[in-house]
N, C-alpha and C. Protein backbone atom coordinates (compact mmCIF):
# COMPACT_ATOMS: atom_id res chain seq x y z
N MET A 1 145.34 89.69 57.86
CA MET A 1 144.28 89.92 57.47
C MET A 1 144.31 90.80 55.62
N ASP A 2 143.20 90.33 54.97
CA ASP A 2 143.44 90.86 53.64
C ASP A 2 143.57 92.35 53.25
N HIS A 3 144.35 92.95 52.20
CA HIS A 3 144.73 94.24 52.46
C HIS A 3 143.74 94.79 51.05
N THR A 4 143.18 94.01 50.51
CA THR A 4 142.29 94.57 49.31
C THR A 4 140.87 95.08 49.80
N LYS A 5 140.37 94.40 50.64
CA LYS A 5 139.13 95.15 51.19
C LYS A 5 139.07 96.41 51.82
N LYS A 6 137.83 97.25 52.03
CA LYS A 6 137.91 98.44 52.11
C LYS A 6 137.92 98.18 53.67
N MET A 7 138.75 99.42 54.44
CA MET A 7 138.80 99.63 55.96
C MET A 7 137.94 100.49 56.30
N LEU A 8 137.24 100.35 57.39
CA LEU A 8 136.51 100.98 58.21
C LEU A 8 137.00 101.27 59.45
N GLU A 9 136.95 102.47 59.97
CA GLU A 9 137.45 102.70 61.25
C GLU A 9 136.20 103.55 62.05
N ILE A 10 135.56 102.57 63.11
CA ILE A 10 134.51 102.99 63.68
C ILE A 10 134.37 103.12 65.35
N THR A 11 133.48 103.66 65.71
CA THR A 11 133.79 104.14 67.49
C THR A 11 132.11 103.57 67.85
N GLY A 12 132.14 102.48 68.56
CA GLY A 12 131.21 101.89 69.43
C GLY A 12 131.17 100.94 70.45
N SER A 13 130.26 100.52 70.83
CA SER A 13 130.33 99.35 72.03
C SER A 13 129.71 97.85 71.41
N LEU A 14 130.21 97.06 71.88
CA LEU A 14 129.92 95.49 71.35
C LEU A 14 128.38 95.11 72.36
N ILE A 15 127.62 94.63 71.28
CA ILE A 15 126.31 94.45 72.03
C ILE A 15 126.75 92.94 72.44
N TYR A 16 127.48 92.18 71.74
CA TYR A 16 127.90 91.02 72.09
C TYR A 16 129.39 90.89 72.02
N PRO A 17 130.06 89.61 72.34
CA PRO A 17 131.55 89.52 72.02
C PRO A 17 131.65 89.06 70.61
N ILE A 18 132.55 89.50 70.06
CA ILE A 18 132.98 89.28 68.74
C ILE A 18 133.38 87.71 68.67
N THR A 19 132.78 87.10 67.46
CA THR A 19 133.28 85.80 67.65
C THR A 19 133.09 85.24 66.04
N VAL A 20 134.53 84.45 66.00
CA VAL A 20 134.81 84.28 64.72
C VAL A 20 133.72 83.43 64.00
N GLY A 21 133.55 83.58 62.91
CA GLY A 21 132.32 82.65 62.30
C GLY A 21 130.98 83.27 62.27
N GLU A 22 130.56 83.98 62.90
CA GLU A 22 129.40 84.54 63.30
C GLU A 22 129.78 86.39 62.89
N SER A 23 128.51 87.08 62.96
CA SER A 23 128.16 88.52 62.59
C SER A 23 128.75 89.14 63.82
N ALA A 24 129.06 90.22 63.95
CA ALA A 24 129.42 91.16 65.25
C ALA A 24 128.59 92.12 65.28
N PHE A 25 127.92 92.42 66.02
CA PHE A 25 126.81 93.55 66.23
C PHE A 25 127.67 94.59 67.42
N ILE A 26 127.56 95.90 66.67
CA ILE A 26 128.07 97.02 67.42
C ILE A 26 127.09 98.12 67.22
N HIS A 27 127.18 98.94 68.61
CA HIS A 27 126.20 99.79 68.72
C HIS A 27 126.82 100.99 68.40
N GLU A 28 126.50 101.72 67.53
CA GLU A 28 126.86 103.15 67.26
C GLU A 28 126.18 104.21 67.31
N GLY A 29 126.74 105.69 67.22
CA GLY A 29 125.66 106.74 67.70
C GLY A 29 124.28 106.65 66.45
N GLU A 30 124.43 106.04 65.38
CA GLU A 30 123.56 106.31 64.48
C GLU A 30 122.68 104.79 64.97
N GLY A 31 122.93 104.02 65.32
CA GLY A 31 122.17 102.61 65.56
C GLY A 31 123.06 101.69 65.65
N ILE A 32 122.42 100.43 65.50
CA ILE A 32 123.34 99.14 65.30
C ILE A 32 123.85 98.73 63.92
N ARG A 33 124.94 98.42 64.10
CA ARG A 33 125.38 97.60 62.91
C ARG A 33 125.85 96.39 63.18
N ARG A 34 125.55 95.66 61.88
CA ARG A 34 125.62 94.22 61.79
C ARG A 34 126.51 93.83 60.63
N THR A 35 127.97 92.83 61.02
CA THR A 35 128.47 92.97 60.02
C THR A 35 128.60 91.46 59.06
N SER A 36 128.93 91.43 58.21
CA SER A 36 129.22 90.12 57.71
C SER A 36 129.87 89.43 58.71
N THR A 37 129.96 87.84 58.49
CA THR A 37 130.83 86.76 59.02
C THR A 37 132.12 87.27 59.37
N VAL A 38 132.20 87.44 60.56
CA VAL A 38 133.84 87.65 61.06
C VAL A 38 134.69 86.50 60.81
N LEU A 39 136.05 86.77 59.94
CA LEU A 39 136.75 86.00 59.48
C LEU A 39 138.04 85.93 60.83
N SER A 40 138.40 86.98 61.22
CA SER A 40 139.63 87.00 62.04
C SER A 40 139.34 88.25 63.28
N MET A 41 140.02 88.44 64.22
CA MET A 41 140.19 89.64 65.11
C MET A 41 141.64 89.66 66.14
N GLU A 42 141.81 90.47 66.33
CA GLU A 42 142.70 90.86 66.81
C GLU A 42 142.56 92.06 68.12
N LYS A 43 143.03 91.86 69.23
CA LYS A 43 142.71 92.84 70.43
C LYS A 43 143.64 93.41 70.60
N MET A 44 143.95 95.00 69.98
CA MET A 44 145.19 96.03 69.93
C MET A 44 145.30 96.28 71.24
N SER A 45 144.16 96.85 72.08
CA SER A 45 144.58 97.62 73.55
C SER A 45 143.13 97.22 74.13
N GLN A 46 143.17 97.78 75.27
CA GLN A 46 141.81 97.55 76.21
C GLN A 46 140.60 98.37 75.13
N SER A 47 140.95 99.33 74.62
CA SER A 47 140.13 100.03 73.87
C SER A 47 139.74 100.17 72.14
N GLU A 48 140.86 99.03 71.37
CA GLU A 48 140.74 99.18 70.04
C GLU A 48 140.88 97.49 69.82
N ILE A 49 139.99 97.12 68.74
CA ILE A 49 140.22 95.93 68.44
C ILE A 49 140.02 95.91 66.82
N ARG A 50 141.23 95.35 65.93
CA ARG A 50 140.57 94.83 64.71
C ARG A 50 140.10 93.74 64.33
N PHE A 51 139.32 93.60 63.47
CA PHE A 51 138.75 92.61 63.02
C PHE A 51 138.34 92.60 61.19
N GLU A 52 138.11 91.40 60.85
CA GLU A 52 137.96 91.29 59.35
C GLU A 52 136.77 90.49 59.08
N THR A 53 135.94 90.97 58.28
CA THR A 53 134.63 90.21 57.82
C THR A 53 134.66 89.57 56.85
N ARG A 54 133.91 89.12 55.79
CA ARG A 54 134.09 88.61 54.28
C ARG A 54 134.18 90.10 53.66
N ASN A 55 133.80 91.01 53.98
CA ASN A 55 133.82 92.32 53.04
C ASN A 55 134.57 93.23 53.53
N THR A 56 134.82 93.56 54.86
CA THR A 56 135.24 94.76 55.24
C THR A 56 136.73 94.36 56.32
N ARG A 57 137.65 95.38 56.49
CA ARG A 57 138.41 95.12 57.48
C ARG A 57 138.12 96.30 58.41
N TYR A 58 138.04 96.33 59.93
CA TYR A 58 137.37 97.39 60.97
C TYR A 58 138.49 97.45 61.43
N LEU A 59 138.46 98.64 62.14
CA LEU A 59 139.26 99.13 63.53
C LEU A 59 138.34 99.48 64.44
N LEU A 60 137.93 98.93 65.27
CA LEU A 60 136.85 99.28 66.31
C LEU A 60 137.25 100.00 67.71
N HIS A 61 137.03 101.40 67.81
CA HIS A 61 137.22 102.11 68.96
C HIS A 61 136.06 102.10 69.96
N MET A 62 136.59 101.21 71.08
CA MET A 62 135.76 101.04 71.84
C MET A 62 135.09 102.45 72.64
N SER A 63 133.59 102.61 73.10
CA SER A 63 133.25 103.87 73.50
C SER A 63 133.45 103.88 74.72
N SER A 64 133.44 105.02 75.42
CA SER A 64 133.85 105.09 76.88
C SER A 64 133.16 104.16 77.78
N GLY A 65 133.74 103.53 78.64
CA GLY A 65 132.73 102.66 79.57
C GLY A 65 132.57 101.28 79.23
N MET A 66 133.15 100.90 77.94
CA MET A 66 132.97 99.71 76.99
C MET A 66 134.13 98.88 76.76
N GLU A 67 135.15 97.97 77.44
CA GLU A 67 136.25 97.86 77.52
C GLU A 67 136.41 96.41 76.56
N ALA A 68 137.42 96.33 75.85
CA ALA A 68 137.60 95.38 75.00
C ALA A 68 137.69 93.79 75.80
N SER A 69 137.81 93.81 76.91
CA SER A 69 137.57 92.54 77.87
C SER A 69 136.26 92.01 77.76
N ALA A 70 135.42 92.41 76.81
CA ALA A 70 134.08 91.61 76.42
C ALA A 70 134.33 90.99 75.30
N VAL A 71 135.68 90.96 74.82
CA VAL A 71 135.56 90.19 73.43
C VAL A 71 136.25 88.73 73.90
């Protein structure tokens, strides 16, 4: 992953599985976040996923009831 990009740590649930080459859609408390194109993804645990887009590195903490198996 590129360490010069900004890093965002967010909590939410996936609307669709994260797919390299497509945008990620994440439901957060404030609404839905659509990211730029996903370049890479790594499942850290059942409740955490790291992924990188063109612009940002993310650490997603899955909301309760939504497991990373949806990835």
